[in-house]
Amino acid sequence: MVASLYLTSAEGRTGKSAIALGVLDALLVDAPRVGVFRPLIRDRRARDRVLELLRSKATAEAPYESCIGATYEEAHEDPDAALARIVSAYRELQRSCDAVLVVGSDFTDVAVPTELTFNARIAANLDAPVMLILGGRCHDGPETLGQSSPRSAAELARVAELGLHELRAAHATVLAVLVNRADPEALDGIVEAVAEALPPETPVWAVPEEVALVAPPVATVIDAVEGSCCAAAGPTRVTDPAARC
């Protein structure tokens, strides 16, 4: 039987893609052929960047076209037909895999009235248990160098409770909940509060916010792109009118 896991969130900007990389690495330890699947993408004409990144790490030999389901537009126009297309594509991919990591939509478009519910319907029809990703930062206030205020344990517990309700209403199985970019000084309290909002058997984890990841030093960026520092030139005075164009 092919193992599977569906990653989804109740909102956007949770860092789900970064978590997907970690989960993929974990799956690669025990499964020789691990595939990745994106049930919803923006456009078939443009490559999905998250999927391409995950495919570069995956070990199942599957072309890009075999790893996608439907577009946001297709899901908006006819959710049932899109769901059938997604299930069909997933079943075909399963044949060449020992495990499949499914990464849900990014909440950048409105595919259906409730995007989490549609992700839950997909997970239920794929028979893939869900890991619900919660964002540990507030996004309704100002940000400085990618950093924002942390959410409280109580706020995260409410989000988890609402997310669990929507997932269960669509008959999806919740395997675990993970809080990403959680307040490093409140990890224990966050895990405890979220766990209290969930069934006792549901594992809860918290990944602390790492400032170096959201606002890395300039030296780190230079190393990553194999760049170099250049001296800033002073203002240049243009004397030739033609050069202004």
Protein backbone atom coordinates (compact mmCIF):
# COMPACT_ATOMS: atom_id res chain seq x y z
CA MET A 1 0.00 0.00 0.00
CA VAL A 2 1.29 3.46 -0.93
CA ALA A 3 1.78 5.75 2.08
CA SER A 4 0.55 9.32 1.69
CA LEU A 5 0.36 12.57 3.61
CA TYR A 6 -1.60 15.71 2.75
CA LEU A 7 -0.20 19.05 3.91
CA THR A 8 -2.66 21.90 4.12
CA SER A 9 -3.27 25.07 6.11
CA ALA A 10 -6.24 27.14 7.16
CA GLU A 11 -4.78 30.32 5.65
CA GLY A 12 -1.94 31.65 3.54
CA ARG A 13 1.65 32.52 4.50
CA THR A 14 2.19 29.64 6.91
CA GLY A 15 5.51 28.48 5.46
CA LYS A 16 3.92 25.24 4.29
CA SER A 17 6.49 24.81 1.51
CA ALA A 18 9.39 24.80 3.98
CA ILE A 19 7.61 22.21 6.10
CA ALA A 20 7.00 20.15 2.96
CA LEU A 21 10.76 19.97 2.37
CA GLY A 22 11.32 18.62 5.86
CA VAL A 23 8.51 16.08 5.58
CA LEU A 24 9.82 14.96 2.21
CA ASP A 25 13.25 14.31 3.72
CA ALA A 26 11.61 12.22 6.45
CA LEU A 27 9.70 10.14 3.90
CA LEU A 28 12.88 9.51 1.91
CA VAL A 29 14.39 7.69 4.90
CA ASP A 30 12.01 4.74 4.64
CA ALA A 31 10.49 4.85 1.15
CA PRO A 32 12.68 4.21 -1.92
CA ARG A 33 10.31 5.93 -4.38
CA VAL A 34 8.76 9.11 -3.01
CA GLY A 35 6.60 11.27 -5.26
CA VAL A 36 5.08 14.71 -4.79
CA PHE A 37 1.67 15.88 -5.93
CA ARG A 38 0.02 19.29 -6.19
CA PRO A 39 -3.76 18.92 -6.45
CA LEU A 40 -4.26 22.62 -7.27
CA ILE A 41 -1.98 24.89 -9.28
CA ARG A 42 -2.40 28.40 -10.69
CA ASP A 43 -1.81 27.70 -14.35
CA ARG A 44 -0.89 24.71 -16.52
CA ARG A 45 1.22 26.93 -18.79
CA ALA A 46 3.59 28.03 -16.00
CA ARG A 47 5.57 25.66 -13.81
CA ASP A 48 4.63 25.55 -10.14
CA ARG A 49 7.77 26.61 -8.25
CA VAL A 50 6.95 24.66 -5.10
CA LEU A 51 6.36 21.49 -7.07
CA GLU A 52 9.56 21.92 -9.05
CA LEU A 53 11.57 22.35 -5.85
CA LEU A 54 10.05 19.26 -4.27
CA ARG A 55 10.45 17.21 -7.45
CA SER A 56 14.17 18.00 -7.42
CA LYS A 57 14.36 16.17 -4.07
CA ALA A 58 11.86 13.38 -4.77
CA THR A 59 13.01 9.93 -5.90
CA ALA A 60 10.01 8.68 -7.88
CA GLU A 61 10.47 8.98 -11.62
CA ALA A 62 7.41 10.98 -12.60
CA PRO A 63 7.16 13.81 -15.14
CA TYR A 64 5.87 17.19 -14.04
CA GLU A 65 2.52 16.68 -15.78
CA SER A 66 1.88 13.55 -13.72
CA CYS A 67 2.30 15.49 -10.46
CA ILE A 68 -0.49 18.04 -10.92
CA GLY A 69 -4.27 17.83 -10.61
CA ALA A 70 -6.38 20.85 -11.57
CA THR A 71 -6.05 24.62 -11.78
CA TYR A 72 -7.72 27.18 -9.54
CA GLU A 73 -9.84 28.26 -12.47
CA GLU A 74 -11.03 24.71 -13.14
CA ALA A 75 -11.89 24.23 -9.48
CA HIS A 76 -13.79 27.50 -9.43
CA GLU A 77 -15.81 26.71 -12.54
CA ASP A 78 -16.70 23.11 -11.64
CA PRO A 79 -15.43 21.85 -8.26
CA ASP A 80 -16.78 18.32 -8.74
CA ALA A 81 -15.17 17.88 -12.15
CA ALA A 82 -11.90 19.30 -10.83
CA LEU A 83 -12.01 16.90 -7.90
CA ALA A 84 -12.52 13.95 -10.23
CA ARG A 85 -9.56 15.11 -12.33
CA ILE A 86 -7.39 15.44 -9.22
CA VAL A 87 -8.24 11.96 -7.95
CA SER A 88 -7.58 10.40 -11.35
CA ALA A 89 -4.17 12.07 -11.68
CA TYR A 90 -3.21 11.09 -8.14
CA ARG A 91 -4.16 7.44 -8.63
CA GLU A 92 -2.03 7.33 -11.76
CA LEU A 93 0.97 8.81 -9.91
CA GLN A 94 0.56 6.32 -7.06
CA ARG A 95 1.43 3.44 -9.36
CA SER A 96 5.06 4.54 -9.56
CA CYS A 97 5.50 5.49 -5.89
CA ASP A 98 5.99 3.90 -2.49
CA ALA A 99 4.96 7.16 -0.78
CA VAL A 100 3.38 10.41 -1.97
CA LEU A 101 3.56 13.82 -0.34
CA VAL A 102 0.55 15.93 -1.31
CA VAL A 103 0.93 19.69 -0.87
CA GLY A 104 -2.39 21.54 -0.81
CA SER A 105 -3.27 24.92 -2.27
CA ASP A 106 -1.50 28.14 -1.30
CA PHE A 107 -4.53 30.30 -0.47
CA THR A 108 -3.44 32.81 -3.10
CA ASP A 109 -6.66 32.43 -5.06
CA VAL A 110 -10.24 31.62 -4.16
CA ALA A 111 -10.89 28.26 -5.78
CA VAL A 112 -14.16 27.53 -4.03
CA PRO A 113 -16.20 29.28 -1.29
CA THR A 114 -14.04 27.73 1.46
CA GLU A 115 -10.56 26.73 0.33
CA LEU A 116 -9.72 24.64 3.39
CA THR A 117 -12.94 22.68 2.91
CA PHE A 118 -12.01 21.94 -0.69
CA ASN A 119 -8.56 20.77 0.40
CA ALA A 120 -10.28 18.56 2.97
CA ARG A 121 -12.51 17.07 0.29
CA ILE A 122 -9.47 16.32 -1.83
CA ALA A 123 -7.66 14.67 1.08
CA ALA A 124 -10.68 12.55 1.93
CA ASN A 125 -11.06 11.38 -1.68
CA LEU A 126 -7.36 10.60 -1.94
CA ASP A 127 -7.56 8.72 1.36
CA ALA A 128 -4.57 10.77 2.54
CA PRO A 129 -4.32 11.79 6.21
CA VAL A 130 -3.83 15.51 6.81
CA MET A 131 -1.13 17.44 8.59
CA LEU A 132 -2.60 20.87 9.34
CA ILE A 133 -0.02 23.67 9.24
CA LEU A 134 -0.68 26.75 11.36
CA GLY A 135 1.17 30.05 10.94
CA GLY A 136 2.74 31.30 14.14
CA ARG A 137 3.00 34.95 13.05
CA CYS A 138 0.45 37.76 12.71
CA HIS A 139 0.03 39.18 9.21
CA ASP A 140 -2.46 41.96 9.91
CA GLY A 141 0.16 44.39 11.17
CA PRO A 142 3.46 45.90 10.03
CA GLU A 143 6.45 43.72 9.13
CA THR A 144 10.14 44.58 9.50
CA LEU A 145 12.60 42.66 7.33
CA GLY A 146 10.14 39.80 7.01
CA GLN A 147 9.46 39.67 10.74
CA SER A 148 6.06 40.18 12.34
CA SER A 149 4.49 39.83 15.76
CA PRO A 150 3.96 36.30 17.12
CA ARG A 151 0.51 34.84 17.63
CA SER A 152 -0.48 33.90 21.14
CA ALA A 153 -1.13 30.33 22.21
CA ALA A 154 -4.83 31.12 22.59
CA GLU A 155 -5.06 32.53 19.04
CA LEU A 156 -3.38 29.47 17.58
CA ALA A 157 -5.66 27.16 19.56
CA ARG A 158 -8.70 28.89 18.04
CA VAL A 159 -7.31 28.54 14.51
CA ALA A 160 -6.58 24.86 15.14
CA GLU A 161 -10.09 24.25 16.47
CA LEU A 162 -11.73 25.92 13.46
CA GLY A 163 -9.46 24.09 11.05
CA LEU A 164 -10.17 20.74 12.66
CA HIS A 165 -13.90 21.40 12.40
CA GLU A 166 -13.72 22.11 8.67
CA LEU A 167 -11.49 19.11 7.98
CA ARG A 168 -13.71 16.72 9.86
CA ALA A 169 -16.87 18.10 8.29
CA ALA A 170 -15.44 17.07 4.92
CA HIS A 171 -14.53 13.62 6.33
CA ALA A 172 -10.76 14.18 6.21
CA THR A 173 -8.56 12.39 8.72
CA VAL A 174 -6.32 14.71 10.76
CA LEU A 175 -3.00 13.04 11.50
CA ALA A 176 -1.20 15.91 13.23
CA VAL A 177 -0.98 19.68 13.65
CA LEU A 178 2.21 21.69 13.27
CA VAL A 179 2.67 25.34 14.20
CA ASN A 180 5.31 26.92 12.00
CA ARG A 181 7.30 30.04 12.91
CA ALA A 182 6.05 29.85 16.49
CA ASP A 183 7.20 32.23 19.21
CA PRO A 184 10.47 30.65 20.48
CA GLU A 185 9.76 31.84 24.01
CA ALA A 186 6.32 30.24 24.18
CA LEU A 187 6.74 26.87 22.46
CA ASP A 188 5.56 24.74 25.38
CA GLY A 189 2.52 26.93 25.98
CA ILE A 190 1.61 26.89 22.28
CA VAL A 191 1.83 23.12 22.01
CA GLU A 192 -0.21 22.70 25.18
CA ALA A 193 -2.94 25.15 24.13
CA VAL A 194 -3.29 23.72 20.61
CA ALA A 195 -3.32 20.16 21.95
CA GLU A 196 -6.19 21.03 24.29
CA ALA A 197 -8.27 22.13 21.28
CA LEU A 198 -7.73 18.79 19.53
CA PRO A 199 -8.57 15.15 20.22
CA PRO A 200 -6.16 13.62 22.76
CA GLU A 201 -4.50 11.32 20.23
CA THR A 202 -3.54 14.12 17.81
CA PRO A 203 0.19 14.99 17.90
CA VAL A 204 1.10 18.68 18.00
CA TRP A 205 4.48 20.13 17.12
CA ALA A 206 5.86 23.66 17.00
CA VAL A 207 8.74 24.92 14.85
CA PRO A 208 10.21 28.11 16.32
CA GLU A 209 10.69 31.31 14.35
CA GLU A 210 14.26 31.59 13.04
CA VAL A 211 15.19 35.18 12.29
CA ALA A 212 18.12 34.14 10.10
CA LEU A 213 15.69 32.44 7.71
CA VAL A 214 13.24 35.32 7.26
CA ALA A 215 15.88 38.08 7.36
CA PRO A 216 19.29 36.50 6.59
CA PRO A 217 22.48 38.58 6.86
CA VAL A 218 23.73 40.14 3.64
CA ALA A 219 26.83 37.91 3.75
CA THR A 220 24.63 34.83 3.75
CA VAL A 221 22.67 36.08 0.74
CA ILE A 222 25.90 36.81 -1.13
CA ASP A 223 27.18 33.29 -0.45
CA ALA A 224 23.88 31.73 -1.56
CA VAL A 225 23.90 33.48 -4.93
CA GLU A 226 27.70 33.29 -5.33
CA GLY A 227 27.81 37.06 -5.52
CA SER A 228 30.34 39.69 -4.52
CA CYS A 229 30.31 43.15 -2.98
CA CYS A 230 30.75 46.14 -5.24
CA ALA A 231 31.61 49.65 -4.13
CA ALA A 232 28.67 51.99 -4.51
CA ALA A 233 29.24 54.51 -7.26
CA GLY A 234 28.39 58.15 -6.73
CA PRO A 235 25.66 59.94 -8.69
CA THR A 236 26.35 60.20 -12.42
CA ARG A 237 25.60 63.44 -14.22
CA VAL A 238 24.12 62.95 -17.68
CA THR A 239 25.21 65.68 -20.08
CA ASP A 240 24.10 64.10 -23.37
CA PRO A 241 20.29 64.47 -23.76
CA ALA A 242 20.18 61.38 -25.97
CA ALA A 243 21.64 59.30 -23.13
CA ARG A 244 18.60 60.06 -20.99
CA CYS A 245 16.55 57.67 -23.12
